[in-house]
Amino acid sequence: MFKNIGKSDKLIRILLAIVLIIIVEFGGVTGLLSLLLIGLSFVFLMTALVNFCPLYIPFGIKTCKKTRNGCV
C-alpha cells in the first residue's frame, strides 16, 4: 500500500481525533452522535497511522512529499 498522507495532514488527523474523543468523554455530545464521533475519530487515527486515506484516491490527492520511489 502506498502512502498519500503527509506529516501535517497526519498531525491534523491525530489532533482532530483527540479533540473528538475529548468532546465525547466530557459529555459535550451524547447518544448516537457520540458513537458516530468515536467512529470518525477511529478512522482519523487509523488513516494517520497507516499514512493512507482511501478517499484521496478518486480525487488524486497526495499531501506527502513526492520522491522518486513515491512518498516520504
Protein backbone atom coordinates (compact mmCIF):
# COMPACT_ATOMS: atom_id res chain seq x y z
CA MET A 1 0.00 0.00 0.00
CA PHE A 2 1.38 3.36 -0.94
CA LYS A 3 1.33 6.49 1.19
CA ASN A 4 -0.74 9.55 0.36
CA ILE A 5 -0.80 11.40 3.72
CA GLY A 6 1.93 13.84 4.66
CA LYS A 7 3.22 14.88 8.07
CA SER A 8 0.99 17.93 8.51
CA ASP A 9 -2.09 16.00 7.36
CA LYS A 10 -1.19 13.22 9.80
CA LEU A 11 -0.82 15.68 12.68
CA ILE A 12 -4.17 17.34 11.90
CA ARG A 13 -5.92 13.97 11.81
CA ILE A 14 -4.45 12.90 15.16
CA LEU A 15 -5.31 16.22 16.82
CA LEU A 16 -8.84 16.16 15.42
CA ALA A 17 -9.36 12.61 16.68
CA ILE A 18 -8.16 13.61 20.15
CA VAL A 19 -10.50 16.62 20.20
CA LEU A 20 -13.47 14.48 19.16
CA ILE A 21 -12.72 11.90 21.84
CA ILE A 22 -12.41 14.62 24.49
CA ILE A 23 -15.73 16.18 23.44
CA VAL A 24 -17.49 12.83 23.75
CA GLU A 25 -15.80 11.83 27.01
CA PHE A 26 -16.60 15.07 28.81
CA GLY A 27 -20.29 14.96 27.89
CA GLY A 28 -20.40 17.54 25.14
CA VAL A 29 -22.22 15.06 22.91
CA THR A 30 -24.35 12.04 23.82
CA GLY A 31 -26.38 9.36 22.11
CA LEU A 32 -25.97 8.29 18.53
CA LEU A 33 -23.90 11.33 17.64
CA SER A 34 -21.31 10.35 20.25
CA LEU A 35 -20.97 6.90 18.66
CA LEU A 36 -20.54 8.48 15.23
CA LEU A 37 -17.85 10.84 16.53
CA ILE A 38 -15.97 7.97 18.20
CA GLY A 39 -16.14 6.05 14.91
CA LEU A 40 -14.90 9.06 12.97
CA SER A 41 -12.04 9.58 15.41
CA PHE A 42 -11.09 5.91 14.98
CA VAL A 43 -11.00 6.37 11.19
CA PHE A 44 -8.84 9.50 11.57
CA LEU A 45 -6.40 7.67 13.84
CA MET A 46 -6.15 4.60 11.61
CA THR A 47 -5.59 6.58 8.43
CA ALA A 48 -2.95 8.65 10.21
CA LEU A 49 -1.16 5.54 11.48
CA VAL A 50 -1.00 3.82 8.09
CA ASN A 51 -0.39 7.08 6.14
CA PHE A 52 -3.11 6.18 3.66
CA CYS A 53 -6.55 7.69 3.01
CA PRO A 54 -8.74 5.79 0.52
CA LEU A 55 -10.88 8.88 -0.11
CA TYR A 56 -7.87 10.66 -1.61
CA ILE A 57 -7.54 8.14 -4.46
CA PRO A 58 -10.55 9.17 -6.62
CA PHE A 59 -9.53 12.82 -6.37
CA GLY A 60 -5.81 12.18 -6.95
CA ILE A 61 -4.83 13.94 -3.72
CA LYS A 62 -1.44 13.35 -2.11
CA THR A 63 -0.33 15.50 0.81
CA CYS A 64 3.04 13.83 1.24
CA LYS A 65 6.34 14.93 -0.24
CA LYS A 66 6.99 13.23 -3.53
CA THR A 67 10.23 11.38 -4.22
CA ARG A 68 11.35 9.04 -6.99
CA ASN A 69 10.07 5.99 -5.13
CA GLY A 70 6.74 7.50 -4.09
CA CYS A 71 6.01 9.46 -0.96
CA VAL A 72 8.09 10.03 2.13
